[in-house]
C-alpha atoms as a PDB file:
ATOM      1  CA  MET A   1     -36.094 -34.437   2.653  1.00  0.00           C
ATOM      2  CA  ARG A   2     -39.524 -33.346   3.814  1.00  0.00           C
ATOM      3  CA  GLU A   3     -38.032 -30.185   5.318  1.00  0.00           C
ATOM      4  CA  LEU A   4     -36.345 -29.243   2.043  1.00  0.00           C
ATOM      5  CA  ASP A   5     -39.137 -30.626  -0.152  1.00  0.00           C
ATOM      6  CA  VAL A   6     -36.695 -32.717  -2.195  1.00  0.00           C
ATOM      7  CA  GLN A   7     -36.549 -36.167  -3.712  1.00  0.00           C
ATOM      8  CA  PRO A   8     -33.366 -38.017  -4.720  1.00  0.00           C
ATOM      9  CA  LYS A   9     -32.354 -37.023  -8.247  1.00  0.00           C
ATOM     10  CA  HIS A  10     -31.360 -39.978 -10.387  1.00  0.00           C
ATOM     11  CA  SER A  11     -29.682 -37.604 -12.844  1.00  0.00           C
ATOM     12  CA  MET A  12     -27.255 -36.550 -10.102  1.00  0.00           C
ATOM     13  CA  GLY A  13     -26.700 -40.054  -8.792  1.00  0.00           C
ATOM     14  CA  GLN A  14     -28.205 -39.181  -5.414  1.00  0.00           C
ATOM     15  CA  ASN A  15     -28.209 -42.307  -3.251  1.00  0.00           C
ATOM     16  CA  PHE A  16     -27.918 -40.965   0.276  1.00  0.00           C
ATOM     17  CA  LEU A  17     -25.700 -42.831   2.740  1.00  0.00           C
ATOM     18  CA  ILE A  18     -27.663 -43.828   5.858  1.00  0.00           C
ATOM     19  CA  ASP A  19     -25.611 -46.672   7.360  1.00  0.00           C
ATOM     20  CA  GLU A  20     -24.113 -45.593  10.702  1.00  0.00           C
ATOM     21  CA  TYR A  21     -21.425 -48.284  10.659  1.00  0.00           C
ATOM     22  CA  VAL A  22     -20.195 -47.302   7.192  1.00  0.00           C
ATOM     23  CA  ILE A  23     -20.223 -43.619   8.183  1.00  0.00           C
ATOM     24  CA  HIS A  24     -18.273 -44.448  11.359  1.00  0.00           C
ATOM     25  CA  GLU A  25     -15.604 -46.312   9.384  1.00  0.00           C
ATOM     26  CA  ILE A  26     -15.218 -43.483   6.864  1.00  0.00           C
ATOM     27  CA  VAL A  27     -14.918 -40.828   9.570  1.00  0.00           C
ATOM     28  CA  ASN A  28     -12.391 -42.907  11.523  1.00  0.00           C
ATOM     29  CA  CYS A  29     -10.301 -43.215   8.375  1.00  0.00           C
ATOM     30  CA  VAL A  30     -10.452 -39.462   7.720  1.00  0.00           C
ATOM     31  CA  ARG A  31      -9.593 -38.718  11.359  1.00  0.00           C
ATOM     32  CA  GLU A  32      -6.230 -40.455  10.958  1.00  0.00           C
ATOM     33  CA  LEU A  33      -5.200 -38.549   7.819  1.00  0.00           C
ATOM     34  CA  PRO A  34      -2.429 -35.932   8.247  1.00  0.00           C
ATOM     35  CA  VAL A  35      -4.478 -33.072   6.795  1.00  0.00           C
ATOM     36  CA  ALA A  36      -5.658 -29.707   8.066  1.00  0.00           C
ATOM     37  CA  ARG A  37      -8.822 -29.433   5.982  1.00  0.00           C
ATOM     38  CA  ILE A  38     -11.529 -31.675   4.525  1.00  0.00           C
ATOM     39  CA  VAL A  39     -13.277 -31.160   1.189  1.00  0.00           C
ATOM     40  CA  GLU A  40     -16.501 -33.148   0.784  1.00  0.00           C
ATOM     41  CA  VAL A  41     -18.157 -33.683  -2.574  1.00  0.00           C
ATOM     42  CA  GLY A  42     -21.952 -33.842  -2.427  1.00  0.00           C
ATOM     43  CA  PRO A  43     -22.918 -33.483   1.254  1.00  0.00           C
ATOM     44  CA  GLY A  44     -26.590 -33.933   0.343  1.00  0.00           C
ATOM     45  CA  LEU A  45     -28.628 -34.681   3.450  1.00  0.00           C
ATOM     46  CA  GLY A  46     -25.502 -34.615   5.614  1.00  0.00           C
ATOM     47  CA  ALA A  47     -25.286 -38.023   7.297  1.00  0.00           C
ATOM     48  CA  LEU A  48     -21.551 -38.017   6.603  1.00  0.00           C
ATOM     49  CA  THR A  49     -21.128 -34.227   6.769  1.00  0.00           C
ATOM     50  CA  ASP A  50     -22.455 -33.927  10.313  1.00  0.00           C
ATOM     51  CA  GLU A  51     -19.914 -36.485  11.518  1.00  0.00           C
ATOM     52  CA  LEU A  52     -17.042 -34.861   9.606  1.00  0.00           C
ATOM     53  CA  LEU A  53     -17.856 -31.575  11.340  1.00  0.00           C
ATOM     54  CA  HIS A  54     -17.158 -33.286  14.668  1.00  0.00           C
ATOM     55  CA  LEU A  55     -13.535 -33.692  13.611  1.00  0.00           C
ATOM     56  CA  LYS A  56     -13.103 -29.963  14.246  1.00  0.00           C
ATOM     57  CA  LYS A  57     -11.233 -29.342  11.002  1.00  0.00           C
ATOM     58  CA  PRO A  58     -12.267 -26.757   8.395  1.00  0.00           C
ATOM     59  CA  LEU A  59     -14.763 -28.366   6.021  1.00  0.00           C
ATOM     60  CA  VAL A  60     -15.551 -27.215   2.493  1.00  0.00           C
ATOM     61  CA  ALA A  61     -18.557 -28.654   0.640  1.00  0.00           C
ATOM     62  CA  ILE A  62     -18.751 -29.075  -3.138  1.00  0.00           C
ATOM     63  CA  GLU A  63     -22.448 -29.246  -3.989  1.00  0.00           C
ATOM     64  CA  LEU A  64     -24.119 -28.956  -7.395  1.00  0.00           C
ATOM     65  CA  ASP A  65     -27.721 -29.255  -6.192  1.00  0.00           C
ATOM     66  CA  ARG A  66     -28.975 -25.731  -5.454  1.00  0.00           C
ATOM     67  CA  LYS A  67     -31.335 -26.694  -2.614  1.00  0.00           C
ATOM     68  CA  PHE A  68     -28.645 -28.627  -0.762  1.00  0.00           C
ATOM     69  CA  ALA A  69     -26.094 -25.874  -1.403  1.00  0.00           C
ATOM     70  CA  ASP A  70     -28.446 -23.273   0.102  1.00  0.00           C
ATOM     71  CA  TYR A  71     -29.221 -25.560   3.047  1.00  0.00           C
ATOM     72  CA  TRP A  72     -25.545 -25.978   3.976  1.00  0.00           C
ATOM     73  CA  ARG A  73     -24.830 -22.282   3.522  1.00  0.00           C
ATOM     74  CA  GLY A  74     -27.655 -21.713   5.988  1.00  0.00           C
ATOM     75  CA  ARG A  75     -25.749 -23.923   8.406  1.00  0.00           C
ATOM     76  CA  GLU A  76     -22.710 -21.663   7.937  1.00  0.00           C
ATOM     77  CA  LEU A  77     -20.723 -24.259   6.025  1.00  0.00           C
ATOM     78  CA  ARG A  78     -18.484 -22.992   3.247  1.00  0.00           C
ATOM     79  CA  VAL A  79     -20.081 -24.242   0.023  1.00  0.00           C
ATOM     80  CA  ILE A  80     -18.725 -24.109  -3.516  1.00  0.00           C
ATOM     81  CA  GLU A  81     -21.607 -24.674  -5.906  1.00  0.00           C
ATOM     82  CA  THR A  82     -20.019 -26.464  -8.847  1.00  0.00           C
ATOM     83  CA  ASP A  83     -19.525 -29.773 -10.624  1.00  0.00           C
ATOM     84  CA  ALA A  84     -17.157 -32.091  -8.725  1.00  0.00           C
ATOM     85  CA  LEU A  85     -15.258 -32.734 -11.960  1.00  0.00           C
ATOM     86  CA  LYS A  86     -14.231 -29.073 -12.056  1.00  0.00           C
ATOM     87  CA  ILE A  87     -12.672 -28.832  -8.618  1.00  0.00           C
ATOM     88  CA  ASP A  88      -9.147 -29.161 -10.014  1.00  0.00           C
ATOM     89  CA  LYS A  89      -9.564 -25.544 -11.152  1.00  0.00           C
ATOM     90  CA  LEU A  90     -10.481 -24.281  -7.673  1.00  0.00           C
ATOM     91  CA  SER A  91      -8.537 -22.877  -4.764  1.00  0.00           C
ATOM     92  CA  PHE A  92      -9.824 -23.856  -1.337  1.00  0.00           C
ATOM     93  CA  ASN A  93      -7.798 -21.178   0.417  1.00  0.00           C
ATOM     94  CA  GLU A  94      -9.534 -17.980   1.383  1.00  0.00           C
ATOM     95  CA  SER A  95      -8.439 -14.979  -0.685  1.00  0.00           C
ATOM     96  CA  ASN A  96      -6.276 -13.636   2.144  1.00  0.00           C
ATOM     97  CA  ASP A  97      -4.703 -17.006   2.909  1.00  0.00           C
ATOM     98  CA  LYS A  98      -1.707 -17.677   0.686  1.00  0.00           C
ATOM     99  CA  ALA A  99      -0.487 -20.734   2.586  1.00  0.00           C
ATOM    100  CA  VAL A 100      -0.943 -24.157   1.039  1.00  0.00           C
ATOM    101  CA  VAL A 101      -3.111 -26.247   3.354  1.00  0.00           C
ATOM    102  CA  GLN A 102      -3.113 -30.026   3.091  1.00  0.00           C
ATOM    103  CA  SER A 103      -6.659 -31.201   2.317  1.00  0.00           C
ATOM    104  CA  ALA A 104      -8.389 -34.560   2.019  1.00  0.00           C
ATOM    105  CA  LEU A 105     -11.127 -35.215  -0.533  1.00  0.00           C
ATOM    106  CA  VAL A 106     -13.997 -37.229   0.946  1.00  0.00           C
ATOM    107  CA  SER A 107     -17.201 -38.340  -0.745  1.00  0.00           C
ATOM    108  CA  ASN A 108     -20.005 -40.799  -1.170  1.00  0.00           C
ATOM    109  CA  LEU A 109     -19.555 -40.265  -4.915  1.00  0.00           C
ATOM    110  CA  PRO A 110     -22.258 -40.378  -7.555  1.00  0.00           C
ATOM    111  CA  TYR A 111     -21.349 -43.564  -9.408  1.00  0.00           C
ATOM    112  CA  GLN A 112     -21.374 -41.939 -12.841  1.00  0.00           C
ATOM    113  CA  ILE A 113     -18.506 -39.566 -12.019  1.00  0.00           C
ATOM    114  CA  ALA A 114     -16.360 -41.764  -9.772  1.00  0.00           C
ATOM    115  CA  SER A 115     -13.883 -43.050 -12.373  1.00  0.00           C
ATOM    116  CA  ARG A 116     -13.460 -39.662 -14.038  1.00  0.00           C
ATOM    117  CA  LEU A 117     -12.892 -37.951 -10.694  1.00  0.00           C
ATOM    118  CA  VAL A 118     -10.061 -40.335  -9.792  1.00  0.00           C
ATOM    119  CA  ILE A 119      -8.397 -39.803 -13.164  1.00  0.00           C
ATOM    120  CA  GLU A 120      -8.741 -36.008 -12.971  1.00  0.00           C
ATOM    121  CA  GLN A 121      -7.427 -35.827  -9.414  1.00  0.00           C
ATOM    122  CA  SER A 122      -4.511 -38.100 -10.281  1.00  0.00           C
ATOM    123  CA  PHE A 123      -3.171 -35.473 -12.674  1.00  0.00           C
ATOM    124  CA  ALA A 124      -4.461 -32.380 -10.864  1.00  0.00           C
ATOM    125  CA  ALA A 125      -2.375 -33.110  -7.743  1.00  0.00           C
ATOM    126  CA  LEU A 126      -4.777 -31.029  -5.654  1.00  0.00           C
ATOM    127  CA  PHE A 127      -5.092 -33.642  -2.905  1.00  0.00           C
ATOM    128  CA  ASP A 128      -2.595 -36.046  -1.349  1.00  0.00           C
ATOM    129  CA  HIS A 129      -5.348 -38.036   0.382  1.00  0.00           C
ATOM    130  CA  MET A 130      -8.818 -39.157  -0.695  1.00  0.00           C
ATOM    131  CA  VAL A 131     -11.495 -41.340   0.903  1.00  0.00           C
ATOM    132  CA  LEU A 132     -14.100 -42.182  -1.720  1.00  0.00           C
ATOM    133  CA  MET A 133     -17.086 -44.475  -2.247  1.00  0.00           C
ATOM    134  CA  PHE A 134     -17.324 -46.526  -5.446  1.00  0.00           C
ATOM    135  CA  GLN A 135     -19.502 -49.101  -7.066  1.00  0.00           C
ATOM    136  CA  LYS A 136     -17.754 -52.316  -6.017  1.00  0.00           C
ATOM    137  CA  GLU A 137     -16.879 -53.350  -9.562  1.00  0.00           C
ATOM    138  CA  VAL A 138     -15.176 -49.973 -10.085  1.00  0.00           C
ATOM    139  CA  ALA A 139     -13.234 -50.450  -6.844  1.00  0.00           C
ATOM    140  CA  ASP A 140     -12.156 -53.867  -8.162  1.00  0.00           C
ATOM    141  CA  ARG A 141     -10.901 -52.255 -11.379  1.00  0.00           C
ATOM    142  CA  LEU A 142      -8.992 -49.596  -9.451  1.00  0.00           C
ATOM    143  CA  MET A 143      -7.083 -52.224  -7.463  1.00  0.00           C
ATOM    144  CA  ALA A 144      -6.840 -54.938 -10.145  1.00  0.00           C
ATOM    145  CA  THR A 145      -3.526 -56.670 -10.800  1.00  0.00           C
ATOM    146  CA  PRO A 146      -1.909 -57.360 -14.201  1.00  0.00           C
ATOM    147  CA  ARG A 147      -3.173 -60.392 -16.151  1.00  0.00           C
ATOM    148  CA  SER A 148      -6.593 -60.122 -14.482  1.00  0.00           C
ATOM    149  CA  HIS A 149      -9.866 -59.396 -16.272  1.00  0.00           C
ATOM    150  CA  ASP A 150     -10.388 -56.093 -14.409  1.00  0.00           C
ATOM    151  CA  PHE A 151      -6.915 -54.697 -15.112  1.00  0.00           C
ATOM    152  CA  GLY A 152      -7.090 -51.760 -17.516  1.00  0.00           C
ATOM    153  CA  LEU A 153      -6.805 -48.016 -17.972  1.00  0.00           C
ATOM    154  CA  LEU A 154      -8.348 -47.135 -14.609  1.00  0.00           C
ATOM    155  CA  SER A 155      -6.071 -49.589 -12.783  1.00  0.00           C
ATOM    156  CA  VAL A 156      -2.912 -48.226 -14.400  1.00  0.00           C
ATOM    157  CA  ILE A 157      -3.716 -44.550 -13.864  1.00  0.00           C
ATOM    158  CA  ALA A 158      -4.842 -44.996 -10.256  1.00  0.00           C
ATOM    159  CA  GLN A 159      -1.958 -47.251  -9.255  1.00  0.00           C
ATOM    160  CA  THR A 160       0.601 -44.974 -10.918  1.00  0.00           C
ATOM    161  CA  PHE A 161      -0.320 -42.114  -8.612  1.00  0.00           C
ATOM    162  CA  TRP A 162      -1.889 -43.692  -5.516  1.00  0.00           C
ATOM    163  CA  ALA A 163      -1.434 -46.340  -2.873  1.00  0.00           C
ATOM    164  CA  MET A 164      -4.924 -47.670  -2.128  1.00  0.00           C
ATOM    165  CA  GLU A 165      -6.566 -49.766   0.540  1.00  0.00           C
ATOM    166  CA  VAL A 166     -10.106 -50.870   1.358  1.00  0.00           C
ATOM    167  CA  VAL A 167     -11.828 -48.966   4.171  1.00  0.00           C
ATOM    168  CA  VAL A 168     -15.263 -50.612   4.301  1.00  0.00           C
ATOM    169  CA  ASP A 169     -17.889 -52.279   2.113  1.00  0.00           C
ATOM    170  CA  ALA A 170     -21.473 -51.043   1.878  1.00  0.00           C
ATOM    171  CA  SER A 171     -24.523 -53.034   0.791  1.00  0.00           C
ATOM    172  CA  ALA A 172     -27.516 -51.653  -1.064  1.00  0.00           C
ATOM    173  CA  GLU A 173     -29.274 -51.299   2.306  1.00  0.00           C
ATOM    174  CA  SER A 174     -26.683 -48.690   3.311  1.00  0.00           C
ATOM    175  CA  PHE A 175     -28.330 -46.121   1.023  1.00  0.00           C
ATOM    176  CA  TYR A 176     -31.624 -44.387   0.349  1.00  0.00           C
ATOM    177  CA  PRO A 177     -32.880 -45.070  -2.201  1.00  0.00           C
ATOM    178  CA  LYS A 178     -31.288 -48.504  -2.501  1.00  0.00           C
ATOM    179  CA  PRO A 179     -29.036 -48.888  -5.549  1.00  0.00           C
ATOM    180  CA  LYS A 180     -28.969 -52.185  -7.409  1.00  0.00           C
ATOM    181  CA  ILE A 181     -25.305 -52.805  -6.611  1.00  0.00           C
ATOM    182  CA  SER A 182     -22.949 -52.984  -3.635  1.00  0.00           C
ATOM    183  CA  SER A 183     -20.301 -50.394  -2.875  1.00  0.00           C
ATOM    184  CA  ARG A 184     -16.800 -50.105  -1.443  1.00  0.00           C
ATOM    185  CA  VAL A 185     -14.904 -47.238   0.172  1.00  0.00           C
ATOM    186  CA  LEU A 186     -11.211 -46.852  -0.691  1.00  0.00           C
ATOM    187  CA  LYS A 187      -8.483 -44.746   0.888  1.00  0.00           C
ATOM    188  CA  PHE A 188      -5.989 -43.125  -1.499  1.00  0.00           C
ATOM    189  CA  VAL A 189      -2.564 -41.861  -0.484  1.00  0.00           C
ATOM    190  CA  ARG A 190      -0.590 -40.096  -3.206  1.00  0.00           C
ATOM    191  CA  LYS A 191       2.743 -41.698  -4.042  1.00  0.00           C
ATOM    192  CA  ALA A 192       5.722 -39.418  -3.609  1.00  0.00           C
ATOM    193  CA  GLY A 193       7.960 -38.503  -6.526  1.00  0.00           C
ATOM    194  CA  VAL A 194       5.626 -39.484  -9.376  1.00  0.00           C
ATOM    195  CA  HIS A 195       5.789 -36.876 -12.129  1.00  0.00           C
ATOM    196  CA  VAL A 196       4.112 -37.672 -15.434  1.00  0.00           C
ATOM    197  CA  ASP A 197       2.193 -35.453 -17.852  1.00  0.00           C
ATOM    198  CA  ARG A 198      -1.339 -35.958 -19.172  1.00  0.00           C
ATOM    199  CA  GLY A 199       0.047 -37.510 -22.335  1.00  0.00           C
ATOM    200  CA  PHE A 200       0.313 -40.637 -20.206  1.00  0.00           C
ATOM    201  CA  LEU A 201      -3.487 -40.862 -20.123  1.00  0.00           C
ATOM    202  CA  SER A 202      -3.697 -40.854 -23.937  1.00  0.00           C
ATOM    203  CA  PHE A 203      -0.907 -43.418 -24.036  1.00  0.00           C
ATOM    204  CA  ILE A 204      -2.751 -45.803 -21.696  1.00  0.00           C
ATOM    205  CA  LYS A 205      -6.018 -45.299 -23.615  1.00  0.00           C
ATOM    206  CA  CYS A 206      -4.221 -46.341 -26.804  1.00  0.00           C
ATOM    207  CA  SER A 207      -2.602 -49.286 -25.043  1.00  0.00           C
ATOM    208  CA  PHE A 208      -5.945 -50.746 -23.966  1.00  0.00           C
ATOM    209  CA  GLN A 209      -7.924 -49.740 -27.068  1.00  0.00           C
ATOM    210  CA  TYR A 210      -8.061 -53.387 -28.150  1.00  0.00           C
ATOM    211  CA  ARG A 211      -7.313 -55.623 -25.196  1.00  0.00           C
ATOM    212  CA  ARG A 212      -6.645 -58.784 -27.197  1.00  0.00           C
ATOM    213  CA  LYS A 213      -4.321 -57.162 -29.719  1.00  0.00           C
ATOM    214  CA  PHE A 214      -0.579 -56.999 -29.265  1.00  0.00           C
ATOM    215  CA  LEU A 215       0.618 -53.797 -27.638  1.00  0.00           C
ATOM    216  CA  THR A 216       2.738 -53.054 -30.708  1.00  0.00           C
ATOM    217  CA  LYS A 217      -0.474 -52.910 -32.771  1.00  0.00           C
ATOM    218  CA  ASN A 218      -2.281 -50.643 -30.308  1.00  0.00           C
ATOM    219  CA  LEU A 219       0.743 -48.332 -30.101  1.00  0.00           C
ATOM    220  CA  LYS A 220       1.538 -48.209 -33.810  1.00  0.00           C
ATOM    221  CA  ASP A 221       1.236 -44.405 -33.763  1.00  0.00           C
ATOM    222  CA  TYR A 222       4.199 -44.287 -31.370  1.00  0.00           C
ATOM    223  CA  GLY A 223       6.525 -45.647 -34.044  1.00  0.00           C
ATOM    224  CA  SER A 224       8.662 -48.683 -34.753  1.00  0.00           C
ATOM    225  CA  GLN A 225      10.711 -48.243 -31.576  1.00  0.00           C
ATOM    226  CA  VAL A 226       7.915 -49.778 -29.469  1.00  0.00           C
ATOM    227  CA  LYS A 227       9.256 -53.301 -30.106  1.00  0.00           C
ATOM    228  CA  GLY A 228      12.748 -52.335 -29.011  1.00  0.00           C
ATOM    229  CA  GLU A 229      11.521 -50.625 -25.867  1.00  0.00           C
ATOM    230  CA  LEU A 230       9.421 -53.655 -24.923  1.00  0.00           C
ATOM    231  CA  THR A 231      12.473 -55.880 -25.346  1.00  0.00           C
ATOM    232  CA  ALA A 232      14.550 -53.498 -23.226  1.00  0.00           C
ATOM    233  CA  LEU A 233      11.989 -53.926 -20.435  1.00  0.00           C
ATOM    234  CA  GLY A 234      12.304 -57.709 -20.657  1.00  0.00           C
ATOM    235  CA  LEU A 235       8.965 -58.081 -22.442  1.00  0.00           C
ATOM    236  CA  ASN A 236       8.007 -60.069 -25.504  1.00  0.00           C
ATOM    237  CA  GLU A 237       7.168 -57.953 -28.564  1.00  0.00           C
ATOM    238  CA  ARG A 238       3.914 -59.944 -28.723  1.00  0.00           C
ATOM    239  CA  ALA A 239       2.896 -58.771 -25.240  1.00  0.00           C
ATOM    240  CA  ARG A 240      -0.701 -57.722 -24.718  1.00  0.00           C
ATOM    241  CA  PRO A 241      -1.594 -54.688 -22.593  1.00  0.00           C
ATOM    242  CA  GLU A 242      -2.882 -56.593 -19.568  1.00  0.00           C
ATOM    243  CA  GLU A 243       0.501 -58.336 -19.236  1.00  0.00           C
ATOM    244  CA  LEU A 244       2.467 -55.204 -18.290  1.00  0.00           C
ATOM    245  CA  SER A 245       2.869 -53.960 -14.743  1.00  0.00           C
ATOM    246  CA  VAL A 246       2.093 -50.366 -13.833  1.00  0.00           C
ATOM    247  CA  GLU A 247       5.830 -49.681 -13.508  1.00  0.00           C
ATOM    248  CA  GLN A 248       6.481 -51.124 -16.972  1.00  0.00           C
ATOM    249  CA  PHE A 249       3.783 -48.911 -18.515  1.00  0.00           C
ATOM    250  CA  LEU A 250       5.337 -45.870 -16.894  1.00  0.00           C
ATOM    251  CA  SER A 251       8.845 -46.792 -18.070  1.00  0.00           C
ATOM    252  CA  LEU A 252       7.600 -47.538 -21.590  1.00  0.00           C
ATOM    253  CA  TYR A 253       5.858 -44.172 -21.833  1.00  0.00           C
ATOM    254  CA  ARG A 254       8.862 -42.254 -20.544  1.00  0.00           C
ATOM    255  CA  ASN A 255      11.233 -44.044 -22.924  1.00  0.00           C
ATOM    256  CA  LEU A 256       8.980 -43.496 -25.940  1.00  0.00           C
ATOM    257  CA  SER A 257       8.438 -39.845 -24.984  1.00  0.00           C
ATOM    258  CA  LYS A 258      12.170 -39.186 -25.287  1.00  0.00           C
END
């Protein structure tokens, strides 16, 4: 930081990872992924980046902060200077490389973009593997089960597209500056054969618009057939959104979309 004359920017959610154990666990997880390339969002000071480079796989950095972007270019790393939420519109192949290369998305994510990034990458289908850091309460929501307080839109979207598992937890002391919360790293592996359009996102938003209302009320814009489709799935017409499984939401959407 002294070398670059920078301070952590709160507006960019810059809490730099400094815990060697957490870094080791993330890198070990990435090492085992069946990918040929790694894409890291927000390398920052590089505690994680330097270790990822040791894996001897092509590494692409997505960095919005100009000083950090210039620093990593100076270290001959390929840098794309853009917002992480726009990477679904990018190609990571060089212009003369037409082959599709399997890539993993890895990041100590800024907390304010973590949920949106998962949702965007679920539909973008740019990566089949991700290893990402989250605020622990967001990680809990991602992996929440039906009928639990944390189960909601984020749970349904993530679990529709991904199999997830915990990699490692990180305390506030794992970062500089220290955040006020604890964190958790999750591994995502894309589920095979899941094909659903972005209308599903609007459908789930409507479903959870009012958590305590019956699903038939929340989905009134989808017509009177909602009751019949719920019954066909073995559900009560007075079911509330948190009572449905991820598979039932997907079936309900597909049936109503017909």
